[in-house]
Amino acid sequence: MKKNSDNLKVGEKYKVQVGSKNYIGNLVSFNDSEIKIKKGKIENEIKILEINKIKNRKFIILKTLGYSTGILVVIIAVFSVRNNPSIPVGNSPN
């Protein structure tokens, strides 16, 4: 996303990159010279000229469900192998 303030919408979540630092939060306000991003109780004022990149952060339910399911499968696999190992470990037949 370019640094065009026409695309910005107050209340939406954005990721703002300034140098090597990233700010993620909801857009509180903006004008021609700066934007205000708020995450929790912390509000950051960022000058438009210092911004390298602005990206709208959208919530994607399929991506969230995919990560959650993947993590759950790994946890179940780890616990099932620890409690009932089907592959003998340690002694090798001679």
Protein backbone atom coordinates (compact mmCIF):
# COMPACT_ATOMS: atom_id res chain seq x y z
CA MET A 1 0.00 0.00 0.00
CA LYS A 2 1.38 3.38 -0.90
CA LYS A 3 1.47 6.30 1.51
CA ASN A 4 -1.76 7.70 0.06
CA SER A 5 -4.06 8.89 2.82
CA ASP A 6 -7.11 8.49 0.53
CA ASN A 7 -7.04 4.72 1.18
CA LEU A 8 -6.84 5.00 4.98
CA LYS A 9 -9.94 4.40 7.11
CA VAL A 10 -10.17 5.40 10.77
CA GLY A 11 -10.85 2.42 13.04
CA GLU A 12 -9.26 -0.20 10.78
CA LYS A 13 -6.13 -2.12 11.76
CA TYR A 14 -2.85 -1.24 10.02
CA LYS A 15 0.79 -2.29 10.08
CA VAL A 16 3.07 0.73 9.65
CA GLN A 17 6.76 0.24 8.90
CA VAL A 18 9.16 3.03 9.90
CA GLY A 19 12.73 2.01 9.15
CA SER A 20 13.19 -1.40 10.77
CA LYS A 21 10.42 -0.84 13.35
CA ASN A 22 6.81 -1.93 12.85
CA TYR A 23 3.74 -0.45 14.51
CA ILE A 24 0.52 -2.46 14.47
CA GLY A 25 -2.74 -0.99 15.69
CA ASN A 26 -5.98 0.76 14.87
CA LEU A 27 -5.88 4.03 12.99
CA VAL A 28 -7.14 6.80 15.28
CA SER A 29 -6.65 9.80 13.01
CA PHE A 30 -4.56 11.09 10.13
CA ASN A 31 -3.80 14.25 8.21
CA ASP A 32 -1.33 15.31 5.51
CA SER A 33 1.67 15.24 7.86
CA GLU A 34 1.08 12.41 10.38
CA ILE A 35 -1.02 9.43 11.40
CA LYS A 36 -1.98 8.15 14.85
CA ILE A 37 -2.00 4.40 15.50
CA LYS A 38 -3.34 3.01 18.78
CA LYS A 39 -2.75 -0.46 20.25
CA GLY A 40 -4.24 -0.98 23.68
CA LYS A 41 -3.53 2.17 25.68
CA ILE A 42 -0.44 3.12 23.64
CA GLU A 43 -0.92 5.72 20.93
CA ASN A 44 1.87 6.41 18.43
CA GLU A 45 2.10 9.51 16.28
CA ILE A 46 4.04 8.77 13.09
CA LYS A 47 5.12 11.35 10.54
CA ILE A 48 4.05 10.48 6.99
CA LEU A 49 7.52 11.30 5.63
CA GLU A 50 9.12 8.67 7.91
CA ILE A 51 6.81 5.83 6.81
CA ASN A 52 8.26 3.17 4.50
CA LYS A 53 5.11 1.07 4.14
CA ILE A 54 1.50 0.97 5.35
CA LYS A 55 -0.46 -2.27 5.11
CA ASN A 56 -4.08 -2.87 6.02
CA ARG A 57 -4.32 -5.83 8.43
CA LYS A 58 -7.45 -7.81 7.67
CA PHE A 59 -8.73 -10.71 9.75
CA ILE A 60 -8.95 -13.83 7.59
CA ILE A 61 -10.95 -16.60 9.28
CA LEU A 62 -9.63 -19.42 7.05
CA LYS A 63 -6.03 -18.52 7.78
CA THR A 64 -6.74 -18.35 11.52
CA LEU A 65 -8.55 -21.70 11.50
CA GLY A 66 -5.74 -23.28 9.45
CA TYR A 67 -3.04 -22.19 11.91
CA SER A 68 -5.15 -23.25 14.90
CA THR A 69 -5.90 -26.67 13.41
CA GLY A 70 -2.24 -27.22 12.50
CA ILE A 71 -1.07 -26.37 16.01
CA LEU A 72 -3.72 -28.65 17.54
CA VAL A 73 -2.70 -31.58 15.30
CA VAL A 74 0.98 -31.14 16.28
CA ILE A 75 0.10 -31.03 20.01
CA ILE A 76 -2.05 -34.17 19.76
CA ALA A 77 0.69 -35.97 17.80
CA VAL A 78 3.35 -35.06 20.37
CA PHE A 79 1.24 -36.22 23.31
CA SER A 80 0.21 -39.45 21.61
CA VAL A 81 3.82 -40.34 20.76
CA ARG A 82 4.99 -39.50 24.29
CA ASN A 83 2.28 -41.55 26.00
CA ASN A 84 2.19 -44.51 23.61
CA PRO A 85 5.27 -44.71 21.38
CA SER A 86 4.75 -47.16 18.53
CA ILE A 87 8.36 -46.94 17.37
CA PRO A 88 10.88 -48.51 19.77
CA VAL A 89 13.63 -46.10 20.67
CA GLY A 90 16.99 -46.94 22.21
CA ASN A 91 17.73 -50.65 21.76
CA SER A 92 18.68 -51.72 18.25
CA PRO A 93 18.44 -55.40 17.32
CA ASN A 94 21.80 -57.18 16.72
